[in-house]
N, C-alpha and C. Protein backbone atom coordinates (compact mmCIF):
# COMPACT_ATOMS: atom_id res chain seq x y z
N MET A 1 39.36 27.35 21.65
CA MET A 1 39.17 26.10 22.37
C MET A 1 39.67 24.97 21.51
N SER A 2 40.16 23.96 22.11
CA SER A 2 40.73 22.82 21.39
C SER A 2 39.63 21.98 20.75
N THR A 3 40.00 21.31 19.69
CA THR A 3 39.02 20.46 18.99
C THR A 3 39.02 19.05 19.54
N ASP A 4 39.67 18.83 20.69
CA ASP A 4 39.74 17.47 21.22
C ASP A 4 38.47 17.07 21.96
N GLY A 5 37.50 17.96 22.05
CA GLY A 5 36.22 17.62 22.65
C GLY A 5 36.18 17.78 24.16
N THR A 6 37.22 18.29 24.76
CA THR A 6 37.18 18.47 26.20
C THR A 6 36.23 19.61 26.54
N PRO A 7 35.44 19.41 27.60
CA PRO A 7 34.47 20.44 27.97
C PRO A 7 35.18 21.69 28.47
N PRO A 8 34.51 22.84 28.35
CA PRO A 8 35.11 24.07 28.86
C PRO A 8 35.21 24.01 30.38
N ALA A 9 36.17 24.73 30.90
CA ALA A 9 36.32 24.77 32.36
C ALA A 9 35.08 25.41 32.98
N ARG A 10 34.64 24.81 34.08
CA ARG A 10 33.47 25.34 34.78
C ARG A 10 33.85 25.63 36.22
N SER A 11 33.26 26.63 36.79
CA SER A 11 33.48 26.87 38.21
C SER A 11 32.42 26.08 38.97
N GLY A 12 32.88 25.18 39.81
CA GLY A 12 31.96 24.31 40.53
C GLY A 12 31.26 23.38 39.56
N ASP A 13 30.03 23.04 39.88
CA ASP A 13 29.26 22.15 39.02
C ASP A 13 28.21 22.88 38.21
N ALA A 14 28.20 24.21 38.30
CA ALA A 14 27.17 24.99 37.61
C ALA A 14 27.41 24.96 36.10
N ALA A 15 26.37 24.66 35.36
CA ALA A 15 26.47 24.66 33.90
C ALA A 15 26.38 26.10 33.41
N ARG A 16 27.06 26.35 32.32
CA ARG A 16 27.04 27.66 31.68
C ARG A 16 25.69 27.78 30.94
N VAL A 17 24.90 28.79 31.26
CA VAL A 17 23.61 29.01 30.60
C VAL A 17 23.84 29.88 29.37
N LEU A 18 23.42 29.37 28.21
CA LEU A 18 23.58 30.11 26.96
C LEU A 18 22.29 30.04 26.16
N THR A 19 21.96 31.14 25.52
CA THR A 19 20.86 31.14 24.57
C THR A 19 21.45 30.79 23.21
N ILE A 20 20.98 29.67 22.65
CA ILE A 20 21.53 29.12 21.41
C ILE A 20 20.40 28.91 20.42
N ASP A 21 20.66 29.17 19.18
CA ASP A 21 19.70 28.89 18.11
C ASP A 21 19.74 27.39 17.84
N LEU A 22 18.68 26.69 18.24
CA LEU A 22 18.62 25.24 18.10
C LEU A 22 18.77 24.80 16.65
N GLU A 23 18.14 25.53 15.74
CA GLU A 23 18.22 25.16 14.32
C GLU A 23 19.66 25.26 13.81
N GLU A 24 20.38 26.29 14.22
CA GLU A 24 21.77 26.43 13.81
C GLU A 24 22.65 25.35 14.42
N LEU A 25 22.40 25.02 15.69
CA LEU A 25 23.19 23.98 16.34
C LEU A 25 22.93 22.62 15.70
N THR A 26 21.67 22.30 15.41
CA THR A 26 21.40 21.01 14.78
C THR A 26 21.99 20.97 13.37
N TRP A 27 21.99 22.10 12.68
CA TRP A 27 22.63 22.16 11.35
C TRP A 27 24.12 21.84 11.49
N ALA A 28 24.76 22.46 12.48
CA ALA A 28 26.18 22.22 12.71
C ALA A 28 26.45 20.76 13.08
N LEU A 29 25.61 20.20 13.92
CA LEU A 29 25.79 18.82 14.34
C LEU A 29 25.56 17.84 13.19
N ASN A 30 24.77 18.24 12.21
CA ASN A 30 24.48 17.38 11.05
C ASN A 30 25.38 17.65 9.87
N SER A 31 26.28 18.60 9.97
CA SER A 31 27.12 18.99 8.83
C SER A 31 28.39 18.16 8.77
N ARG A 32 28.27 17.03 8.12
CA ARG A 32 29.44 16.16 7.93
C ARG A 32 30.12 16.56 6.63
N ASP A 33 31.35 17.01 6.74
CA ASP A 33 32.10 17.48 5.58
C ASP A 33 33.25 16.53 5.32
N PRO A 34 33.12 15.67 4.31
CA PRO A 34 34.18 14.68 4.06
C PRO A 34 35.52 15.30 3.67
N LEU A 35 35.51 16.52 3.16
CA LEU A 35 36.76 17.17 2.77
C LEU A 35 37.39 17.96 3.92
N GLY A 36 36.65 18.12 5.00
CA GLY A 36 37.18 18.83 6.15
C GLY A 36 37.39 20.32 5.94
N GLU A 37 36.63 20.92 5.04
CA GLU A 37 36.80 22.35 4.75
C GLU A 37 35.83 23.24 5.51
N CYS A 38 34.85 22.65 6.17
CA CYS A 38 33.86 23.44 6.90
C CYS A 38 33.97 23.14 8.39
N SER A 39 33.71 24.14 9.19
CA SER A 39 33.67 23.93 10.63
C SER A 39 32.67 24.90 11.26
N HIS A 40 32.15 24.48 12.39
CA HIS A 40 31.20 25.28 13.16
C HIS A 40 31.76 25.45 14.56
N TRP A 41 31.56 26.65 15.11
CA TRP A 41 32.10 26.99 16.41
C TRP A 41 31.03 27.70 17.22
N LEU A 42 30.89 27.34 18.49
CA LEU A 42 29.95 27.98 19.39
C LEU A 42 30.69 28.99 20.26
N ASN A 43 30.19 30.23 20.27
CA ASN A 43 30.77 31.26 21.13
C ASN A 43 30.23 31.03 22.54
N LEU A 44 31.13 30.76 23.47
CA LEU A 44 30.74 30.41 24.84
C LEU A 44 30.33 31.62 25.67
N GLU A 45 30.40 32.81 25.09
CA GLU A 45 29.94 34.00 25.79
C GLU A 45 28.58 34.45 25.26
N SER A 46 28.41 34.40 23.94
CA SER A 46 27.17 34.93 23.34
C SER A 46 26.19 33.85 22.90
N GLY A 47 26.67 32.62 22.70
CA GLY A 47 25.80 31.56 22.21
C GLY A 47 25.65 31.55 20.69
N THR A 48 26.33 32.48 20.02
CA THR A 48 26.25 32.50 18.55
C THR A 48 27.10 31.38 17.96
N ILE A 49 26.76 30.99 16.75
CA ILE A 49 27.49 29.93 16.06
C ILE A 49 28.17 30.53 14.84
N LEU A 50 29.46 30.25 14.73
CA LEU A 50 30.27 30.71 13.62
C LEU A 50 30.44 29.55 12.65
N PHE A 51 30.22 29.82 11.37
CA PHE A 51 30.36 28.82 10.32
C PHE A 51 31.50 29.25 9.42
N LEU A 52 32.51 28.41 9.31
CA LEU A 52 33.66 28.71 8.46
C LEU A 52 33.73 27.72 7.32
N ILE A 53 33.93 28.23 6.10
CA ILE A 53 34.07 27.39 4.91
C ILE A 53 35.43 27.66 4.30
N GLY A 54 36.15 26.61 4.03
CA GLY A 54 37.42 26.74 3.34
C GLY A 54 38.55 27.17 4.25
N HIS A 55 39.74 27.01 3.74
CA HIS A 55 40.93 27.31 4.51
C HIS A 55 41.13 28.80 4.72
N ASP A 56 40.64 29.63 3.81
CA ASP A 56 40.82 31.07 3.92
C ASP A 56 39.77 31.73 4.81
N ALA A 57 38.77 30.99 5.24
CA ALA A 57 37.68 31.57 6.02
C ALA A 57 38.18 32.12 7.34
N VAL A 58 39.17 31.48 7.94
CA VAL A 58 39.70 31.97 9.21
C VAL A 58 40.27 33.37 9.04
N ASP A 59 40.91 33.64 7.92
CA ASP A 59 41.48 34.96 7.66
C ASP A 59 40.40 36.04 7.60
N GLU A 60 39.19 35.65 7.17
CA GLU A 60 38.10 36.61 7.03
C GLU A 60 37.33 36.80 8.33
N ALA A 61 37.46 35.86 9.27
CA ALA A 61 36.76 35.96 10.56
C ALA A 61 37.48 37.00 11.42
N ASP A 62 36.82 37.44 12.50
CA ASP A 62 37.41 38.42 13.40
C ASP A 62 38.65 37.89 14.10
N GLY A 63 38.74 36.59 14.23
CA GLY A 63 39.89 35.95 14.86
C GLY A 63 39.79 34.46 14.61
N ASP A 64 40.85 33.76 14.89
CA ASP A 64 40.86 32.32 14.68
C ASP A 64 40.24 31.64 15.90
N PRO A 65 39.07 31.01 15.73
CA PRO A 65 38.41 30.39 16.88
C PRO A 65 39.22 29.24 17.49
N ARG A 66 40.13 28.68 16.71
CA ARG A 66 40.95 27.58 17.23
C ARG A 66 41.90 28.05 18.32
N ASP A 67 42.20 29.34 18.33
CA ASP A 67 43.14 29.90 19.30
C ASP A 67 42.46 30.77 20.35
N ASP A 68 41.18 30.62 20.50
CA ASP A 68 40.43 31.51 21.38
C ASP A 68 39.52 30.67 22.28
N ASP A 69 39.69 30.77 23.58
CA ASP A 69 38.91 29.98 24.54
C ASP A 69 37.43 30.33 24.56
N ARG A 70 37.05 31.41 23.90
CA ARG A 70 35.63 31.76 23.83
C ARG A 70 34.87 30.87 22.87
N TRP A 71 35.58 30.13 22.03
CA TRP A 71 34.95 29.33 20.99
C TRP A 71 35.10 27.84 21.26
N LEU A 72 34.03 27.11 21.06
CA LEU A 72 34.02 25.65 21.21
C LEU A 72 33.69 25.02 19.87
N TYR A 73 34.55 24.15 19.41
CA TYR A 73 34.33 23.45 18.14
C TYR A 73 33.13 22.54 18.26
N ILE A 74 32.26 22.55 17.27
CA ILE A 74 31.08 21.69 17.25
C ILE A 74 31.40 20.50 16.35
N GLU A 75 31.66 19.38 16.98
CA GLU A 75 31.97 18.15 16.26
C GLU A 75 30.67 17.58 15.69
N PRO A 76 30.60 17.37 14.38
CA PRO A 76 29.38 16.79 13.80
C PRO A 76 29.14 15.38 14.33
N ILE A 77 27.87 15.01 14.39
CA ILE A 77 27.54 13.65 14.82
C ILE A 77 28.00 12.67 13.75
N GLU A 78 28.20 11.45 14.15
CA GLU A 78 28.57 10.39 13.20
C GLU A 78 27.37 10.10 12.30
N SER A 79 27.64 9.71 11.07
CA SER A 79 26.54 9.37 10.15
C SER A 79 25.74 8.20 10.70
N SER A 80 26.37 7.33 11.49
CA SER A 80 25.64 6.20 12.07
C SER A 80 24.55 6.68 13.03
N GLU A 81 24.79 7.80 13.72
CA GLU A 81 23.78 8.34 14.63
C GLU A 81 22.60 8.92 13.83
N ALA A 82 22.89 9.62 12.75
CA ALA A 82 21.83 10.14 11.88
C ALA A 82 21.05 8.98 11.24
N PHE A 83 21.76 7.92 10.90
CA PHE A 83 21.14 6.73 10.32
C PHE A 83 20.18 6.10 11.33
N ARG A 84 20.59 6.05 12.60
CA ARG A 84 19.72 5.49 13.65
C ARG A 84 18.44 6.30 13.79
N VAL A 85 18.52 7.61 13.62
CA VAL A 85 17.31 8.43 13.70
C VAL A 85 16.34 8.01 12.60
N MET A 86 16.85 7.77 11.40
CA MET A 86 15.99 7.31 10.31
C MET A 86 15.40 5.93 10.62
N GLU A 87 16.21 5.04 11.17
CA GLU A 87 15.71 3.71 11.54
C GLU A 87 14.61 3.82 12.59
N ASP A 88 14.80 4.70 13.57
CA ASP A 88 13.78 4.90 14.60
C ASP A 88 12.48 5.41 13.99
N PHE A 89 12.58 6.28 13.00
CA PHE A 89 11.38 6.77 12.32
C PHE A 89 10.66 5.63 11.62
N VAL A 90 11.41 4.79 10.94
CA VAL A 90 10.82 3.64 10.24
C VAL A 90 10.06 2.77 11.24
N ASP A 91 10.66 2.54 12.40
CA ASP A 91 10.05 1.68 13.42
C ASP A 91 8.73 2.22 13.94
N GLN A 92 8.56 3.52 13.96
CA GLN A 92 7.33 4.11 14.51
C GLN A 92 6.42 4.69 13.44
N CYS A 93 6.75 4.47 12.19
CA CYS A 93 6.07 5.09 11.04
C CYS A 93 4.55 4.88 11.05
N GLY A 94 4.08 3.71 11.41
CA GLY A 94 2.64 3.46 11.46
C GLY A 94 2.02 3.05 10.13
N ASP A 95 2.74 3.10 9.06
CA ASP A 95 2.27 2.69 7.73
C ASP A 95 3.19 1.55 7.28
N ASP A 96 2.66 0.32 7.33
CA ASP A 96 3.50 -0.85 7.05
C ASP A 96 4.16 -0.79 5.68
N ARG A 97 3.39 -0.41 4.68
CA ARG A 97 3.93 -0.37 3.32
C ARG A 97 5.06 0.66 3.19
N LEU A 98 4.80 1.85 3.72
CA LEU A 98 5.82 2.90 3.69
C LEU A 98 7.02 2.49 4.54
N GLY A 99 6.76 1.89 5.68
CA GLY A 99 7.84 1.44 6.55
C GLY A 99 8.75 0.44 5.84
N ARG A 100 8.15 -0.49 5.09
CA ARG A 100 8.96 -1.44 4.32
C ARG A 100 9.78 -0.73 3.25
N ALA A 101 9.15 0.22 2.55
CA ALA A 101 9.86 0.96 1.49
C ALA A 101 11.01 1.77 2.08
N LEU A 102 10.78 2.41 3.23
CA LEU A 102 11.85 3.18 3.87
C LEU A 102 12.96 2.25 4.37
N GLY A 103 12.56 1.12 4.92
CA GLY A 103 13.54 0.14 5.38
C GLY A 103 14.41 -0.36 4.24
N GLN A 104 13.79 -0.60 3.10
CA GLN A 104 14.55 -1.03 1.92
C GLN A 104 15.48 0.08 1.44
N ALA A 105 15.00 1.31 1.49
CA ALA A 105 15.83 2.44 1.08
C ALA A 105 17.09 2.53 1.93
N LEU A 106 16.94 2.22 3.21
CA LEU A 106 18.09 2.29 4.11
C LEU A 106 19.09 1.17 3.87
N GLN A 107 18.67 0.14 3.14
CA GLN A 107 19.57 -0.99 2.85
C GLN A 107 20.33 -0.80 1.53
N GLN A 108 19.92 0.20 0.76
CA GLN A 108 20.51 0.41 -0.56
C GLN A 108 21.72 1.34 -0.49
N ARG A 109 22.38 1.45 -1.61
CA ARG A 109 23.47 2.41 -1.74
C ARG A 109 22.89 3.82 -1.58
N LYS A 110 23.62 4.72 -0.97
CA LYS A 110 23.17 6.09 -0.70
C LYS A 110 21.84 6.10 0.08
N PRO A 111 21.84 5.50 1.26
CA PRO A 111 20.58 5.37 2.03
C PRO A 111 19.94 6.69 2.42
N PHE A 112 20.73 7.73 2.69
CA PHE A 112 20.14 9.02 3.08
C PHE A 112 19.33 9.60 1.93
N ARG A 113 19.88 9.55 0.74
CA ARG A 113 19.20 10.05 -0.45
C ARG A 113 17.96 9.21 -0.76
N ARG A 114 18.11 7.89 -0.71
CA ARG A 114 16.99 6.99 -1.02
C ARG A 114 15.84 7.18 -0.03
N PHE A 115 16.18 7.36 1.24
CA PHE A 115 15.18 7.58 2.27
C PHE A 115 14.35 8.82 1.94
N LYS A 116 15.02 9.90 1.59
CA LYS A 116 14.33 11.15 1.25
C LYS A 116 13.52 11.01 -0.04
N ASP A 117 14.04 10.23 -0.99
CA ASP A 117 13.30 10.00 -2.24
C ASP A 117 11.99 9.28 -1.97
N VAL A 118 12.01 8.28 -1.11
CA VAL A 118 10.78 7.54 -0.78
C VAL A 118 9.79 8.47 -0.11
N LEU A 119 10.26 9.28 0.83
CA LEU A 119 9.36 10.20 1.54
C LEU A 119 8.77 11.27 0.63
N ALA A 120 9.46 11.61 -0.44
CA ALA A 120 8.98 12.66 -1.35
C ALA A 120 7.61 12.32 -1.93
N ALA A 121 7.31 11.05 -2.07
CA ALA A 121 6.02 10.63 -2.62
C ALA A 121 4.93 10.54 -1.56
N HIS A 122 5.25 10.85 -0.31
CA HIS A 122 4.30 10.76 0.80
C HIS A 122 4.35 12.05 1.61
N PRO A 123 3.69 13.11 1.15
CA PRO A 123 3.82 14.43 1.80
C PRO A 123 3.47 14.45 3.29
N THR A 124 2.44 13.73 3.68
CA THR A 124 2.06 13.74 5.09
C THR A 124 3.13 13.08 5.94
N GLN A 125 3.63 11.94 5.49
CA GLN A 125 4.68 11.25 6.24
C GLN A 125 6.00 12.02 6.16
N ARG A 126 6.19 12.74 5.08
CA ARG A 126 7.41 13.57 4.96
C ARG A 126 7.39 14.64 6.04
N GLU A 127 6.24 15.27 6.24
CA GLU A 127 6.12 16.27 7.32
C GLU A 127 6.32 15.61 8.68
N ALA A 128 5.79 14.40 8.84
CA ALA A 128 5.97 13.66 10.09
C ALA A 128 7.46 13.37 10.32
N TRP A 129 8.16 13.04 9.23
CA TRP A 129 9.61 12.80 9.33
C TRP A 129 10.34 14.04 9.80
N PHE A 130 10.02 15.20 9.21
CA PHE A 130 10.70 16.43 9.61
C PHE A 130 10.46 16.74 11.09
N ALA A 131 9.25 16.53 11.57
CA ALA A 131 8.94 16.76 12.98
C ALA A 131 9.70 15.77 13.86
N PHE A 132 9.73 14.51 13.44
CA PHE A 132 10.45 13.47 14.18
C PHE A 132 11.95 13.79 14.24
N GLU A 133 12.50 14.17 13.10
CA GLU A 133 13.93 14.49 13.03
C GLU A 133 14.26 15.70 13.90
N ARG A 134 13.38 16.72 13.88
CA ARG A 134 13.60 17.91 14.73
C ARG A 134 13.67 17.52 16.20
N GLU A 135 12.73 16.67 16.63
CA GLU A 135 12.71 16.24 18.03
C GLU A 135 13.94 15.43 18.37
N ALA A 136 14.33 14.50 17.49
CA ALA A 136 15.51 13.67 17.73
C ALA A 136 16.77 14.54 17.78
N MET A 137 16.86 15.51 16.90
CA MET A 137 18.03 16.38 16.88
C MET A 137 18.07 17.29 18.10
N GLU A 138 16.92 17.67 18.62
CA GLU A 138 16.92 18.47 19.85
C GLU A 138 17.49 17.65 21.00
N VAL A 139 17.14 16.37 21.07
CA VAL A 139 17.69 15.49 22.11
C VAL A 139 19.21 15.40 21.95
N ILE A 140 19.67 15.21 20.72
CA ILE A 140 21.11 15.12 20.44
C ILE A 140 21.81 16.44 20.79
N ALA A 141 21.19 17.56 20.42
CA ALA A 141 21.78 18.88 20.72
C ALA A 141 21.85 19.11 22.23
N ARG A 142 20.79 18.73 22.93
CA ARG A 142 20.77 18.89 24.39
C ARG A 142 21.88 18.04 25.03
N ARG A 143 22.04 16.82 24.53
CA ARG A 143 23.09 15.93 25.04
C ARG A 143 24.47 16.53 24.77
N TRP A 144 24.65 17.09 23.55
CA TRP A 144 25.93 17.73 23.22
C TRP A 144 26.21 18.88 24.19
N CYS A 145 25.20 19.69 24.44
CA CYS A 145 25.37 20.81 25.38
C CYS A 145 25.72 20.29 26.77
N ASP A 146 24.98 19.29 27.25
CA ASP A 146 25.27 18.72 28.56
C ASP A 146 26.71 18.21 28.64
N ASP A 147 27.15 17.55 27.57
CA ASP A 147 28.51 17.01 27.54
C ASP A 147 29.58 18.11 27.63
N HIS A 148 29.19 19.34 27.27
CA HIS A 148 30.14 20.45 27.28
C HIS A 148 29.84 21.46 28.38
N GLY A 149 29.04 21.04 29.36
CA GLY A 149 28.78 21.92 30.51
C GLY A 149 27.93 23.12 30.19
N ILE A 150 27.04 22.97 29.22
CA ILE A 150 26.18 24.08 28.79
C ILE A 150 24.73 23.74 29.08
N SER A 151 24.05 24.67 29.69
CA SER A 151 22.61 24.55 29.89
C SER A 151 21.94 25.45 28.85
N PRO A 152 21.41 24.85 27.78
CA PRO A 152 20.91 25.68 26.68
C PRO A 152 19.52 26.24 26.94
N ARG A 153 19.33 27.46 26.49
CA ARG A 153 18.00 28.04 26.34
C ARG A 153 17.88 28.27 24.85
N TRP A 154 16.92 27.65 24.22
CA TRP A 154 16.79 27.77 22.77
C TRP A 154 16.24 29.14 22.41
N ALA A 155 16.91 29.79 21.48
CA ALA A 155 16.49 31.11 21.02
C ALA A 155 15.14 31.01 20.32
N ALA A 156 14.30 31.98 20.55
CA ALA A 156 12.99 32.01 19.89
C ALA A 156 13.18 32.28 18.41
N ARG A 157 12.45 31.55 17.61
CA ARG A 157 12.50 31.75 16.14
C ARG A 157 11.07 31.86 15.64
N PRO A 158 10.86 32.65 14.63
CA PRO A 158 9.52 32.69 14.05
C PRO A 158 9.20 31.34 13.42
N ASN A 159 7.92 31.00 13.43
CA ASN A 159 7.53 29.72 12.80
C ASN A 159 7.83 29.76 11.32
N ARG A 160 8.39 28.64 10.85
CA ARG A 160 8.72 28.53 9.43
C ARG A 160 8.08 27.28 8.89
N THR A 161 7.86 27.28 7.59
CA THR A 161 7.34 26.07 6.97
C THR A 161 8.51 25.13 6.71
N THR A 162 8.20 23.85 6.63
CA THR A 162 9.22 22.82 6.39
C THR A 162 9.68 22.89 4.94
N PRO A 163 10.99 22.71 4.73
CA PRO A 163 11.51 22.79 3.35
C PRO A 163 10.94 21.70 2.45
């Protein structure tokens, strides 16, 4: 499938139903690679996600997903969209002091790193951030699927603890 973002062809208006691992899709959507050496591809038949690293990775895959209509390139979200998710968390944080500290972190150099550094000292709010981010990314993932004519069913995963 082409990387130009055009949705896959659909028969009628019916969306393609796929079982997709939400965690893998959100990882792919959040994987901004400034060197352009990594890419993620969704298999439009199985719902699996292929992760390729480096220029030689295509040679190691079963086939080149760029030349196969079964694969859809997963364009990562813009950093500005991820930044907005952090801003939204700050707005609903509920702790004025922490909210100010997080807001200041977002104004500094390397705001993503600073934001996480501030949260590291607040374990309860850090867990709240992870839950908030998961929910926000599910909305983004669902929108991405809708934009590509996919009706996702999220694959069941065992419960895991937050990193």
